[in-house]
N, C-alpha and C. Protein backbone atom coordinates (compact mmCIF):
# COMPACT_ATOMS: atom_id res chain seq x y z
N MET A 1 0.84 -1.17 0.00
CA MET A 1 0.00 0.00 0.00
C MET A 1 0.89 1.25 0.00
N VAL A 2 0.66 2.15 -0.94
CA VAL A 2 1.44 3.38 -1.06
C VAL A 2 0.65 4.54 -0.47
N LYS A 3 1.32 5.31 0.42
CA LYS A 3 0.66 6.46 1.03
C LYS A 3 0.88 7.71 0.18
N ASP A 4 -0.16 8.52 0.04
CA ASP A 4 -0.03 9.78 -0.68
C ASP A 4 0.38 10.90 0.26
N LYS A 5 0.05 10.79 1.52
CA LYS A 5 0.37 11.83 2.50
C LYS A 5 1.25 11.27 3.59
N VAL A 6 2.04 12.16 4.17
CA VAL A 6 2.88 11.78 5.30
C VAL A 6 2.15 12.19 6.57
N ASP A 7 2.13 11.32 7.55
CA ASP A 7 1.45 11.62 8.81
C ASP A 7 2.16 12.72 9.57
N ASN A 8 1.37 13.50 10.35
CA ASN A 8 1.96 14.52 11.21
C ASN A 8 2.89 13.87 12.22
N GLY A 9 4.01 14.52 12.47
CA GLY A 9 4.97 14.00 13.42
C GLY A 9 6.00 13.07 12.81
N THR A 10 5.88 12.77 11.53
CA THR A 10 6.85 11.91 10.85
C THR A 10 8.13 12.69 10.61
N LEU A 11 9.27 12.06 10.89
CA LEU A 11 10.56 12.69 10.66
C LEU A 11 10.83 12.75 9.17
N LEU A 12 10.97 13.99 8.65
CA LEU A 12 11.27 14.17 7.23
C LEU A 12 12.77 14.08 6.98
N GLY A 13 13.54 14.67 7.87
CA GLY A 13 14.99 14.67 7.72
C GLY A 13 15.61 15.61 8.74
N LYS A 14 16.89 15.78 8.61
CA LYS A 14 17.63 16.64 9.51
C LYS A 14 18.17 17.82 8.70
N CYS A 15 17.97 19.04 9.17
CA CYS A 15 18.42 20.23 8.45
C CYS A 15 19.94 20.23 8.37
N ALA A 16 20.46 20.42 7.17
CA ALA A 16 21.90 20.39 6.96
C ALA A 16 22.59 21.63 7.53
N VAL A 17 21.85 22.70 7.77
CA VAL A 17 22.46 23.95 8.25
C VAL A 17 22.47 24.00 9.77
N ASP A 18 21.31 23.84 10.39
CA ASP A 18 21.26 23.96 11.86
C ASP A 18 21.29 22.61 12.58
N GLY A 19 21.21 21.52 11.84
CA GLY A 19 21.33 20.19 12.44
C GLY A 19 20.12 19.71 13.21
N GLN A 20 19.03 20.46 13.21
CA GLN A 20 17.83 20.09 13.94
C GLN A 20 16.91 19.24 13.06
N PRO A 21 16.19 18.31 13.65
CA PRO A 21 15.28 17.46 12.86
C PRO A 21 14.08 18.26 12.34
N ILE A 22 13.57 17.81 11.22
CA ILE A 22 12.38 18.42 10.61
C ILE A 22 11.28 17.38 10.66
N PHE A 23 10.24 17.67 11.44
CA PHE A 23 9.09 16.78 11.55
C PHE A 23 7.93 17.36 10.77
N ASN A 24 7.19 16.50 10.08
CA ASN A 24 6.02 16.95 9.34
C ASN A 24 4.99 17.55 10.31
N GLY A 25 4.39 18.66 9.92
CA GLY A 25 3.39 19.32 10.75
C GLY A 25 4.01 20.22 11.81
N GLN A 26 5.28 20.56 11.65
CA GLN A 26 5.99 21.38 12.62
C GLN A 26 5.88 22.86 12.28
N GLY A 27 4.89 23.26 11.52
CA GLY A 27 4.67 24.66 11.18
C GLY A 27 5.55 25.10 10.03
N PHE A 28 6.03 26.32 10.14
CA PHE A 28 6.82 26.93 9.07
C PHE A 28 8.06 26.10 8.75
N ARG A 29 8.66 25.52 9.76
CA ARG A 29 9.88 24.72 9.61
C ARG A 29 9.71 23.58 8.61
N SER A 30 8.58 22.88 8.69
CA SER A 30 8.36 21.75 7.79
C SER A 30 7.57 22.14 6.55
N GLN A 31 6.73 23.15 6.66
CA GLN A 31 5.88 23.54 5.54
C GLN A 31 6.71 24.07 4.38
N TYR A 32 7.78 24.79 4.66
CA TYR A 32 8.60 25.39 3.60
C TYR A 32 9.99 24.77 3.51
N CYS A 33 10.17 23.58 4.05
CA CYS A 33 11.48 22.92 3.94
C CYS A 33 11.68 22.47 2.49
N THR A 34 12.92 22.27 2.13
CA THR A 34 13.24 21.84 0.78
C THR A 34 14.47 20.94 0.81
N VAL A 35 14.66 20.21 -0.26
CA VAL A 35 15.84 19.36 -0.39
C VAL A 35 16.70 19.95 -1.50
N LEU A 36 17.96 20.23 -1.15
CA LEU A 36 18.90 20.82 -2.10
C LEU A 36 20.15 19.96 -2.14
N ASN A 37 20.43 19.39 -3.29
CA ASN A 37 21.57 18.47 -3.46
C ASN A 37 21.54 17.33 -2.43
N GLY A 38 20.37 16.82 -2.18
CA GLY A 38 20.23 15.69 -1.27
C GLY A 38 20.25 16.07 0.21
N LYS A 39 20.30 17.34 0.53
CA LYS A 39 20.34 17.80 1.92
C LYS A 39 19.05 18.57 2.24
N TRP A 40 18.50 18.33 3.42
CA TRP A 40 17.29 19.02 3.84
C TRP A 40 17.65 20.41 4.36
N ILE A 41 16.85 21.40 3.96
CA ILE A 41 16.97 22.78 4.47
C ILE A 41 15.61 23.13 5.04
N SER A 42 15.57 23.53 6.32
CA SER A 42 14.29 23.82 6.96
C SER A 42 13.76 25.19 6.54
N GLY A 43 12.47 25.37 6.71
CA GLY A 43 11.84 26.65 6.41
C GLY A 43 12.38 27.77 7.29
N ASP A 44 12.73 27.46 8.54
CA ASP A 44 13.29 28.48 9.43
C ASP A 44 14.61 29.02 8.89
N VAL A 45 15.46 28.13 8.43
CA VAL A 45 16.75 28.55 7.88
C VAL A 45 16.55 29.36 6.60
N LEU A 46 15.62 28.94 5.77
CA LEU A 46 15.33 29.71 4.55
C LEU A 46 14.90 31.12 4.89
N LEU A 47 14.09 31.26 5.91
CA LEU A 47 13.64 32.58 6.32
C LEU A 47 14.80 33.43 6.85
N LYS A 48 15.71 32.81 7.58
CA LYS A 48 16.87 33.54 8.10
C LYS A 48 17.80 33.99 6.97
N LEU A 49 17.86 33.21 5.90
CA LEU A 49 18.74 33.53 4.77
C LEU A 49 18.11 34.51 3.78
N TYR A 50 16.84 34.82 3.97
CA TYR A 50 16.10 35.62 2.99
C TYR A 50 16.77 36.94 2.66
N ASN A 51 17.13 37.75 3.66
CA ASN A 51 17.69 39.08 3.40
C ASN A 51 18.97 39.00 2.57
N ARG A 52 19.86 38.12 2.96
CA ARG A 52 21.14 38.00 2.25
C ARG A 52 20.95 37.45 0.84
N THR A 53 20.05 36.49 0.68
CA THR A 53 19.81 35.92 -0.64
C THR A 53 19.16 36.93 -1.57
N PHE A 54 18.28 37.76 -1.02
CA PHE A 54 17.64 38.78 -1.84
C PHE A 54 18.66 39.81 -2.30
N GLU A 55 19.60 40.19 -1.43
CA GLU A 55 20.68 41.10 -1.81
C GLU A 55 21.52 40.49 -2.94
N ALA A 56 21.82 39.21 -2.83
CA ALA A 56 22.60 38.53 -3.86
C ALA A 56 21.84 38.50 -5.18
N PHE A 57 20.54 38.26 -5.12
CA PHE A 57 19.72 38.25 -6.33
C PHE A 57 19.75 39.60 -7.01
N LEU A 58 19.57 40.67 -6.24
CA LEU A 58 19.58 42.02 -6.82
C LEU A 58 20.94 42.36 -7.42
N ALA A 59 22.01 42.00 -6.72
CA ALA A 59 23.36 42.27 -7.23
C ALA A 59 23.59 41.52 -8.54
N HIS A 60 23.16 40.27 -8.60
CA HIS A 60 23.31 39.47 -9.81
C HIS A 60 22.52 40.09 -10.97
N HIS A 61 21.31 40.54 -10.68
CA HIS A 61 20.47 41.17 -11.70
C HIS A 61 21.12 42.46 -12.21
N ASN A 62 21.66 43.28 -11.30
CA ASN A 62 22.31 44.53 -11.70
C ASN A 62 23.57 44.26 -12.50
N ASP A 63 24.33 43.24 -12.14
CA ASP A 63 25.53 42.88 -12.90
C ASP A 63 25.17 42.47 -14.31
N ASN A 64 24.09 41.70 -14.46
CA ASN A 64 23.65 41.29 -15.79
C ASN A 64 23.23 42.49 -16.63
N ALA A 65 22.56 43.47 -16.02
CA ALA A 65 22.12 44.66 -16.74
C ALA A 65 23.34 45.48 -17.19
N LYS A 66 24.35 45.60 -16.32
CA LYS A 66 25.56 46.34 -16.69
C LYS A 66 26.30 45.63 -17.83
N GLU A 67 26.40 44.30 -17.74
CA GLU A 67 27.08 43.53 -18.78
C GLU A 67 26.35 43.67 -20.11
N LYS A 68 25.03 43.67 -20.07
CA LYS A 68 24.24 43.82 -21.29
C LYS A 68 24.50 45.18 -21.92
N GLN A 69 24.57 46.24 -21.10
CA GLN A 69 24.81 47.58 -21.62
C GLN A 69 26.20 47.68 -22.24
N ILE A 70 27.20 47.07 -21.62
CA ILE A 70 28.56 47.07 -22.17
C ILE A 70 28.58 46.37 -23.53
N LEU A 71 27.91 45.23 -23.63
CA LEU A 71 27.86 44.50 -24.90
C LEU A 71 27.15 45.31 -25.98
N LEU A 72 26.06 45.98 -25.61
CA LEU A 72 25.34 46.80 -26.59
C LEU A 72 26.20 47.97 -27.06
N ASP A 73 26.97 48.56 -26.15
CA ASP A 73 27.86 49.65 -26.53
C ASP A 73 28.94 49.16 -27.50
N LYS A 74 29.47 47.96 -27.25
CA LYS A 74 30.48 47.39 -28.16
C LYS A 74 29.88 47.10 -29.53
N LEU A 75 28.66 46.59 -29.54
CA LEU A 75 28.00 46.31 -30.81
C LEU A 75 27.81 47.60 -31.61
N GLU A 76 27.41 48.64 -30.92
CA GLU A 76 27.18 49.92 -31.60
C GLU A 76 28.49 50.47 -32.16
N LYS A 77 29.57 50.26 -31.44
CA LYS A 77 30.89 50.72 -31.88
C LYS A 77 31.26 50.08 -33.21
N TYR A 78 30.89 48.83 -33.41
CA TYR A 78 31.24 48.11 -34.62
C TYR A 78 30.12 48.10 -35.66
N GLY A 79 29.15 49.00 -35.50
CA GLY A 79 28.16 49.16 -36.55
C GLY A 79 26.90 48.34 -36.41
N TRP A 80 26.55 47.93 -35.22
CA TRP A 80 25.32 47.17 -34.99
C TRP A 80 24.49 47.88 -33.94
N GLN A 81 23.18 47.71 -34.03
CA GLN A 81 22.28 48.21 -32.98
C GLN A 81 21.08 47.29 -32.89
N THR A 82 20.37 47.38 -31.77
CA THR A 82 19.18 46.56 -31.61
C THR A 82 17.96 47.33 -32.09
N ASP A 83 17.09 46.63 -32.77
CA ASP A 83 15.84 47.22 -33.22
C ASP A 83 14.91 47.32 -32.02
N PRO A 84 14.42 48.53 -31.68
CA PRO A 84 13.57 48.67 -30.49
C PRO A 84 12.25 47.90 -30.57
N GLU A 85 11.75 47.66 -31.76
CA GLU A 85 10.47 46.96 -31.90
C GLU A 85 10.63 45.45 -31.75
N THR A 86 11.66 44.89 -32.41
CA THR A 86 11.81 43.43 -32.42
C THR A 86 12.88 42.93 -31.45
N GLY A 87 13.84 43.78 -31.12
CA GLY A 87 14.93 43.37 -30.24
C GLY A 87 16.04 42.65 -30.99
N LYS A 88 15.92 42.56 -32.32
CA LYS A 88 16.94 41.88 -33.12
C LYS A 88 18.05 42.87 -33.49
N LEU A 89 19.22 42.32 -33.82
CA LEU A 89 20.34 43.14 -34.26
C LEU A 89 20.16 43.55 -35.70
N ARG A 90 20.56 44.77 -36.00
CA ARG A 90 20.59 45.22 -37.39
C ARG A 90 21.83 46.07 -37.61
N LYS A 91 22.32 46.05 -38.83
CA LYS A 91 23.54 46.75 -39.19
C LYS A 91 23.24 48.22 -39.41
N ILE A 92 24.13 49.09 -38.91
CA ILE A 92 24.04 50.53 -39.18
C ILE A 92 24.90 50.75 -40.42
N THR A 93 24.27 51.16 -41.53
CA THR A 93 24.97 51.20 -42.81
C THR A 93 26.06 52.27 -42.84
N GLY A 94 25.81 53.46 -42.41
CA GLY A 94 26.79 54.54 -42.51
C GLY A 94 28.02 54.31 -41.65
N LYS A 95 27.83 53.74 -40.50
CA LYS A 95 28.92 53.57 -39.55
C LYS A 95 29.87 52.46 -39.96
N THR A 96 29.37 51.41 -40.56
CA THR A 96 30.23 50.29 -40.93
C THR A 96 31.17 50.67 -42.06
N LYS A 97 30.71 51.51 -42.99
CA LYS A 97 31.58 51.93 -44.09
C LYS A 97 32.76 52.73 -43.55
N ALA A 98 32.49 53.60 -42.59
CA ALA A 98 33.56 54.40 -42.01
C ALA A 98 34.57 53.50 -41.30
N LEU A 99 34.10 52.51 -40.60
CA LEU A 99 35.01 51.59 -39.93
C LEU A 99 35.83 50.80 -40.94
N ASN A 100 35.20 50.38 -42.05
CA ASN A 100 35.93 49.63 -43.06
C ASN A 100 36.99 50.49 -43.72
N ARG A 101 36.66 51.75 -43.99
CA ARG A 101 37.65 52.65 -44.60
C ARG A 101 38.84 52.83 -43.68
N ALA A 102 38.58 53.02 -42.41
CA ALA A 102 39.67 53.20 -41.45
C ALA A 102 40.53 51.95 -41.39
N GLY A 103 39.90 50.79 -41.45
CA GLY A 103 40.65 49.53 -41.41
C GLY A 103 41.52 49.35 -42.65
N THR A 104 41.01 49.72 -43.82
CA THR A 104 41.80 49.56 -45.04
C THR A 104 42.91 50.59 -45.11
N MET A 105 42.69 51.76 -44.57
CA MET A 105 43.74 52.78 -44.57
C MET A 105 44.91 52.33 -43.71
N GLU A 106 44.61 51.73 -42.59
CA GLU A 106 45.69 51.26 -41.72
C GLU A 106 46.49 50.17 -42.39
N LYS A 107 45.85 49.28 -43.11
CA LYS A 107 46.56 48.19 -43.80
C LYS A 107 47.47 48.76 -44.90
N SER A 108 46.98 49.74 -45.64
CA SER A 108 47.79 50.31 -46.72
C SER A 108 48.98 51.08 -46.16
N ASP A 109 48.82 51.73 -45.01
CA ASP A 109 49.92 52.44 -44.39
C ASP A 109 51.01 51.48 -43.93
N ILE A 110 50.61 50.30 -43.47
CA ILE A 110 51.57 49.31 -43.00
C ILE A 110 52.37 48.75 -44.16
N ASN A 111 51.69 48.45 -45.29
CA ASN A 111 52.34 47.84 -46.45
C ASN A 111 53.15 48.87 -47.24
N GLY A 112 52.70 50.10 -47.26
CA GLY A 112 53.29 51.12 -48.14
C GLY A 112 54.27 51.93 -47.47
């Protein structure tokens, strides 16, 4: 016979961070517990980590936004830009010719 529910008071596991047991029906501790890489993390520990994890999330998001802006600036330097409607890359015709001319002039100066 396979059970669909775990009875209240059943030991789910031991929290890998604080070392305390997690029993089903123990309130917030068991209701929001999770298993990460085979280790139990209690809901209490998750709540204690919330502030620091949220700071890390925001920092990661801001780093991604800065990196995206740097990449877009580099693309624009070499004659590409994003289409505001579709978000796809498109070539800037006037700018690429100027870059090509500058590149060919440098090569001819080196050889000549």
